[in-house]
C-alpha atoms as a PDB file:
ATOM      1  CA  MET A   1      -5.591 -33.770  48.915  1.00  0.00           C
ATOM      2  CA  ASP A   2      -8.004 -31.158  50.468  1.00  0.00           C
ATOM      3  CA  THR A   3      -7.074 -27.616  49.399  1.00  0.00           C
ATOM      4  CA  GLU A   4      -8.660 -24.393  50.860  1.00  0.00           C
ATOM      5  CA  ILE A   5      -7.986 -21.224  49.468  1.00  0.00           C
ATOM      6  CA  LYS A   6      -7.531 -18.663  51.885  1.00  0.00           C
ATOM      7  CA  GLU A   7      -7.708 -15.684  49.387  1.00  0.00           C
ATOM      8  CA  PHE A   8      -8.474 -15.640  46.004  1.00  0.00           C
ATOM      9  CA  SER A   9      -7.571 -12.983  43.092  1.00  0.00           C
ATOM     10  CA  TYR A  10      -8.952 -12.978  39.667  1.00  0.00           C
ATOM     11  CA  PRO A  11      -7.643 -10.700  37.112  1.00  0.00           C
ATOM     12  CA  GLU A  12     -10.362  -8.788  35.252  1.00  0.00           C
ATOM     13  CA  ASN A  13      -8.403  -8.684  32.206  1.00  0.00           C
ATOM     14  CA  PRO A  14      -5.805 -11.362  32.395  1.00  0.00           C
ATOM     15  CA  SER A  15      -2.157 -10.237  31.431  1.00  0.00           C
ATOM     16  CA  PRO A  16       1.103 -11.088  32.650  1.00  0.00           C
ATOM     17  CA  THR A  17       1.575  -8.092  34.274  1.00  0.00           C
ATOM     18  CA  GLN A  18      -1.660  -7.047  35.725  1.00  0.00           C
ATOM     19  CA  GLU A  19      -2.407  -7.629  39.434  1.00  0.00           C
ATOM     20  CA  GLY A  20      -5.541  -9.544  40.345  1.00  0.00           C
ATOM     21  CA  VAL A  21      -8.632  -8.141  41.871  1.00  0.00           C
ATOM     22  CA  GLN A  22      -9.309  -9.055  45.686  1.00  0.00           C
ATOM     23  CA  ILE A  23     -12.268 -11.285  46.064  1.00  0.00           C
ATOM     24  CA  ASP A  24     -14.653 -10.803  48.890  1.00  0.00           C
ATOM     25  CA  SER A  25     -14.746 -13.605  51.770  1.00  0.00           C
ATOM     26  CA  VAL A  26     -18.297 -14.913  50.572  1.00  0.00           C
ATOM     27  CA  VAL A  27     -16.909 -15.504  46.875  1.00  0.00           C
ATOM     28  CA  THR A  28     -13.898 -17.119  48.489  1.00  0.00           C
ATOM     29  CA  SER A  29     -16.206 -19.324  50.556  1.00  0.00           C
ATOM     30  CA  VAL A  30     -18.111 -20.381  47.554  1.00  0.00           C
ATOM     31  CA  ILE A  31     -14.939 -20.919  45.825  1.00  0.00           C
ATOM     32  CA  ASN A  32     -13.726 -23.262  48.610  1.00  0.00           C
ATOM     33  CA  GLN A  33     -17.118 -25.086  48.597  1.00  0.00           C
ATOM     34  CA  PHE A  34     -16.661 -25.836  44.679  1.00  0.00           C
ATOM     35  CA  VAL A  35     -13.186 -27.114  45.337  1.00  0.00           C
ATOM     36  CA  LYS A  36     -14.277 -29.480  48.035  1.00  0.00           C
ATOM     37  CA  ARG A  37     -17.094 -30.515  46.097  1.00  0.00           C
ATOM     38  CA  ALA A  38     -14.916 -31.353  42.815  1.00  0.00           C
ATOM     39  CA  GLN A  39     -12.497 -33.270  45.416  1.00  0.00           C
ATOM     40  CA  PHE A  40     -15.449 -35.249  46.681  1.00  0.00           C
ATOM     41  CA  GLY A  41     -16.985 -36.032  43.445  1.00  0.00           C
ATOM     42  CA  LYS A  42     -13.557 -37.379  41.950  1.00  0.00           C
ATOM     43  CA  ALA A  43     -13.015 -39.687  45.061  1.00  0.00           C
ATOM     44  CA  LYS A  44     -16.342 -41.028  44.994  1.00  0.00           C
ATOM     45  CA  TYR A  45     -16.835 -41.453  41.368  1.00  0.00           C
ATOM     46  CA  GLY A  46     -13.215 -41.534  40.000  1.00  0.00           C
ATOM     47  CA  THR A  47     -14.076 -38.934  37.512  1.00  0.00           C
ATOM     48  CA  ASP A  48     -14.675 -35.150  36.961  1.00  0.00           C
ATOM     49  CA  LEU A  49     -16.395 -32.897  34.628  1.00  0.00           C
ATOM     50  CA  ASP A  50     -13.712 -33.144  32.018  1.00  0.00           C
ATOM     51  CA  ARG A  51     -15.031 -36.507  31.337  1.00  0.00           C
ATOM     52  CA  LYS A  52     -15.964 -37.493  27.730  1.00  0.00           C
ATOM     53  CA  ASP A  53     -18.316 -40.365  28.035  1.00  0.00           C
ATOM     54  CA  LEU A  54     -21.486 -38.344  28.304  1.00  0.00           C
ATOM     55  CA  THR A  55     -23.405 -36.810  25.447  1.00  0.00           C
ATOM     56  CA  THR A  56     -25.191 -33.304  25.537  1.00  0.00           C
ATOM     57  CA  LEU A  57     -28.566 -34.767  26.525  1.00  0.00           C
ATOM     58  CA  GLU A  58     -26.834 -36.829  29.565  1.00  0.00           C
ATOM     59  CA  TRP A  59     -25.285 -33.781  30.847  1.00  0.00           C
ATOM     60  CA  ILE A  60     -28.731 -32.114  30.640  1.00  0.00           C
ATOM     61  CA  GLU A  61     -30.266 -34.843  32.470  1.00  0.00           C
ATOM     62  CA  HIS A  62     -27.805 -34.713  35.205  1.00  0.00           C
ATOM     63  CA  ALA A  63     -28.436 -31.111  35.620  1.00  0.00           C
ATOM     64  CA  LYS A  64     -32.218 -31.617  35.646  1.00  0.00           C
ATOM     65  CA  GLN A  65     -31.902 -34.146  38.483  1.00  0.00           C
ATOM     66  CA  GLU A  66     -29.771 -32.055  40.461  1.00  0.00           C
ATOM     67  CA  LEU A  67     -32.011 -28.963  39.986  1.00  0.00           C
ATOM     68  CA  MET A  68     -35.042 -31.091  41.070  1.00  0.00           C
ATOM     69  CA  ASP A  69     -33.415 -32.042  44.297  1.00  0.00           C
ATOM     70  CA  GLY A  70     -32.551 -28.410  45.136  1.00  0.00           C
ATOM     71  CA  ILE A  71     -36.390 -27.615  44.473  1.00  0.00           C
ATOM     72  CA  LEU A  72     -37.105 -30.351  47.107  1.00  0.00           C
ATOM     73  CA  TYR A  73     -34.769 -29.243  49.499  1.00  0.00           C
ATOM     74  CA  LEU A  74     -35.990 -25.571  49.004  1.00  0.00           C
ATOM     75  CA  GLU A  75     -39.822 -26.985  49.585  1.00  0.00           C
ATOM     76  CA  LYS A  76     -38.821 -28.849  52.565  1.00  0.00           C
ATOM     77  CA  LEU A  77     -37.200 -25.542  54.413  1.00  0.00           C
ATOM     78  CA  LYS A  78     -40.196 -23.523  53.439  1.00  0.00           C
ATOM     79  CA  GLN A  79     -42.507 -25.880  54.972  1.00  0.00           C
ATOM     80  CA  GLU A  80     -40.271 -25.993  58.076  1.00  0.00           C
ATOM     81  CA  LEU A  81     -40.327 -22.252  58.179  1.00  0.00           C
ATOM     82  CA  SER A  82     -43.973 -22.217  57.865  1.00  0.00           C
ATOM     83  CA  VAL A  83     -44.639 -24.487  60.588  1.00  0.00           C
ATOM     84  CA  LYS A  84     -42.297 -22.003  63.063  1.00  0.00           C
ATOM     85  CA  SER A  85     -44.195 -19.036  61.831  1.00  0.00           C
END
């Protein structure tokens, strides 16, 4: 199931009678990216972040590996931009 959110409202103080606050297009785009990533991960790995089979240290290691990848991607882009300058 591929879900895309067109508009997202988030209540500042959730209550059954309160209308949500309109969220801008940038936040809506990021929310959609998270939804798509969650769907991809569930399809690829057959599980999601609600899984209970990892310890706290294993979750920390997963996060560390993801952040290290992010730093590598940023360094790659920085080097490419430096060459173009």
